[in-house]
Amino acid sequence: MTEPEQRAVWLRNLPDAELIEVALGRWGGPEPDVLDEAVRRLQDVGAKLRPVVGLVTAAEEMPVINGAEE
């Protein structure tokens, strides 16, 4: 396994809090591979939340039933 591959595995295995520390620990911003891993995780979270957001949006659009006030 090459060094970049090993680093990618290491980054993937870091807990979120440690990844944030690594990203914030470098003057001038995170290194590209750290930023890539952070974006990957955000995309994963977004994909998991998409159905929930859809349900909440649908619930907001439901009509008021039994005279309940908004």
C-alpha atoms as a PDB file:
ATOM      1  CA  MET A   1       0.000   0.000   0.000  1.00  0.00           C
ATOM      2  CA  THR A   2       1.401   3.412  -0.951  1.00  0.00           C
ATOM      3  CA  GLU A   3       1.824   6.231   1.544  1.00  0.00           C
ATOM      4  CA  PRO A   4      -1.165   8.203   0.156  1.00  0.00           C
ATOM      5  CA  GLU A   5      -3.308   5.053   0.390  1.00  0.00           C
ATOM      6  CA  GLN A   6      -2.193   4.483   3.977  1.00  0.00           C
ATOM      7  CA  ARG A   7      -2.981   8.094   4.844  1.00  0.00           C
ATOM      8  CA  ALA A   8      -6.433   7.803   3.242  1.00  0.00           C
ATOM      9  CA  VAL A   9      -7.165   4.727   5.370  1.00  0.00           C
ATOM     10  CA  TRP A  10      -5.905   6.561   8.463  1.00  0.00           C
ATOM     11  CA  LEU A  11      -8.121   9.571   7.719  1.00  0.00           C
ATOM     12  CA  ARG A  12     -11.167   7.336   7.132  1.00  0.00           C
ATOM     13  CA  ASN A  13     -10.629   5.686  10.509  1.00  0.00           C
ATOM     14  CA  LEU A  14     -10.313   8.912  12.481  1.00  0.00           C
ATOM     15  CA  PRO A  15     -13.311   9.848  14.605  1.00  0.00           C
ATOM     16  CA  ASP A  16     -15.046  13.029  13.421  1.00  0.00           C
ATOM     17  CA  ALA A  17     -13.623  15.111  16.274  1.00  0.00           C
ATOM     18  CA  GLU A  18     -10.056  14.080  15.435  1.00  0.00           C
ATOM     19  CA  LEU A  19     -10.583  14.749  11.724  1.00  0.00           C
ATOM     20  CA  ILE A  20     -11.728  18.260  12.633  1.00  0.00           C
ATOM     21  CA  GLU A  21      -8.596  18.733  14.775  1.00  0.00           C
ATOM     22  CA  VAL A  22      -6.401  17.612  11.871  1.00  0.00           C
ATOM     23  CA  ALA A  23      -8.247  19.962   9.514  1.00  0.00           C
ATOM     24  CA  LEU A  24      -7.948  22.940  11.853  1.00  0.00           C
ATOM     25  CA  GLY A  25      -4.393  22.210  12.936  1.00  0.00           C
ATOM     26  CA  ARG A  26      -2.692  23.414   9.776  1.00  0.00           C
ATOM     27  CA  TRP A  27      -1.999  27.072   9.107  1.00  0.00           C
ATOM     28  CA  GLY A  28      -3.510  28.010   5.756  1.00  0.00           C
ATOM     29  CA  GLY A  29      -6.313  25.450   5.912  1.00  0.00           C
ATOM     30  CA  PRO A  30      -6.587  21.704   5.714  1.00  0.00           C
ATOM     31  CA  GLU A  31      -4.524  19.622   3.350  1.00  0.00           C
ATOM     32  CA  PRO A  32      -6.418  18.495   0.235  1.00  0.00           C
ATOM     33  CA  ASP A  33      -6.771  14.875   1.376  1.00  0.00           C
ATOM     34  CA  VAL A  34      -8.142  15.971   4.762  1.00  0.00           C
ATOM     35  CA  LEU A  35     -10.626  18.259   3.017  1.00  0.00           C
ATOM     36  CA  ASP A  36     -11.617  15.432   0.659  1.00  0.00           C
ATOM     37  CA  GLU A  37     -12.342  13.141   3.624  1.00  0.00           C
ATOM     38  CA  ALA A  38     -14.381  15.838   5.378  1.00  0.00           C
ATOM     39  CA  VAL A  39     -16.435  16.409   2.217  1.00  0.00           C
ATOM     40  CA  ARG A  40     -16.957  12.646   1.809  1.00  0.00           C
ATOM     41  CA  ARG A  41     -18.315  12.428   5.356  1.00  0.00           C
ATOM     42  CA  LEU A  42     -20.603  15.414   4.849  1.00  0.00           C
ATOM     43  CA  GLN A  43     -21.972  13.832   1.678  1.00  0.00           C
ATOM     44  CA  ASP A  44     -22.615  10.583   3.583  1.00  0.00           C
ATOM     45  CA  VAL A  45     -24.481  12.462   6.313  1.00  0.00           C
ATOM     46  CA  GLY A  46     -26.446  14.396   3.705  1.00  0.00           C
ATOM     47  CA  ALA A  47     -27.484  11.192   1.961  1.00  0.00           C
ATOM     48  CA  LYS A  48     -28.635   9.702   5.274  1.00  0.00           C
ATOM     49  CA  LEU A  49     -30.603  12.825   6.205  1.00  0.00           C
ATOM     50  CA  ARG A  50     -32.288  13.282   2.821  1.00  0.00           C
ATOM     51  CA  PRO A  51     -35.214  10.914   3.613  1.00  0.00           C
ATOM     52  CA  VAL A  52     -35.747  12.583   7.003  1.00  0.00           C
ATOM     53  CA  VAL A  53     -35.796  16.034   5.432  1.00  0.00           C
ATOM     54  CA  GLY A  54     -38.348  14.752   2.925  1.00  0.00           C
ATOM     55  CA  LEU A  55     -40.585  13.464   5.715  1.00  0.00           C
ATOM     56  CA  VAL A  56     -40.359  16.743   7.629  1.00  0.00           C
ATOM     57  CA  THR A  57     -41.136  18.728   4.500  1.00  0.00           C
ATOM     58  CA  ALA A  58     -44.122  16.491   3.733  1.00  0.00           C
ATOM     59  CA  ALA A  59     -45.395  16.846   7.315  1.00  0.00           C
ATOM     60  CA  GLU A  60     -45.192  20.641   7.069  1.00  0.00           C
ATOM     61  CA  GLU A  61     -47.353  20.535   3.948  1.00  0.00           C
ATOM     62  CA  MET A  62     -50.071  18.356   5.509  1.00  0.00           C
ATOM     63  CA  PRO A  63     -53.425  20.030   6.093  1.00  0.00           C
ATOM     64  CA  VAL A  64     -54.573  20.867   9.615  1.00  0.00           C
ATOM     65  CA  ILE A  65     -56.924  18.164  10.901  1.00  0.00           C
ATOM     66  CA  ASN A  66     -59.676  18.347  13.556  1.00  0.00           C
ATOM     67  CA  GLY A  67     -59.523  22.118  13.883  1.00  0.00           C
ATOM     68  CA  ALA A  68     -56.006  22.119  15.316  1.00  0.00           C
ATOM     69  CA  GLU A  69     -54.446  25.549  15.245  1.00  0.00           C
ATOM     70  CA  GLU A  70     -51.175  26.278  13.552  1.00  0.00           C
END
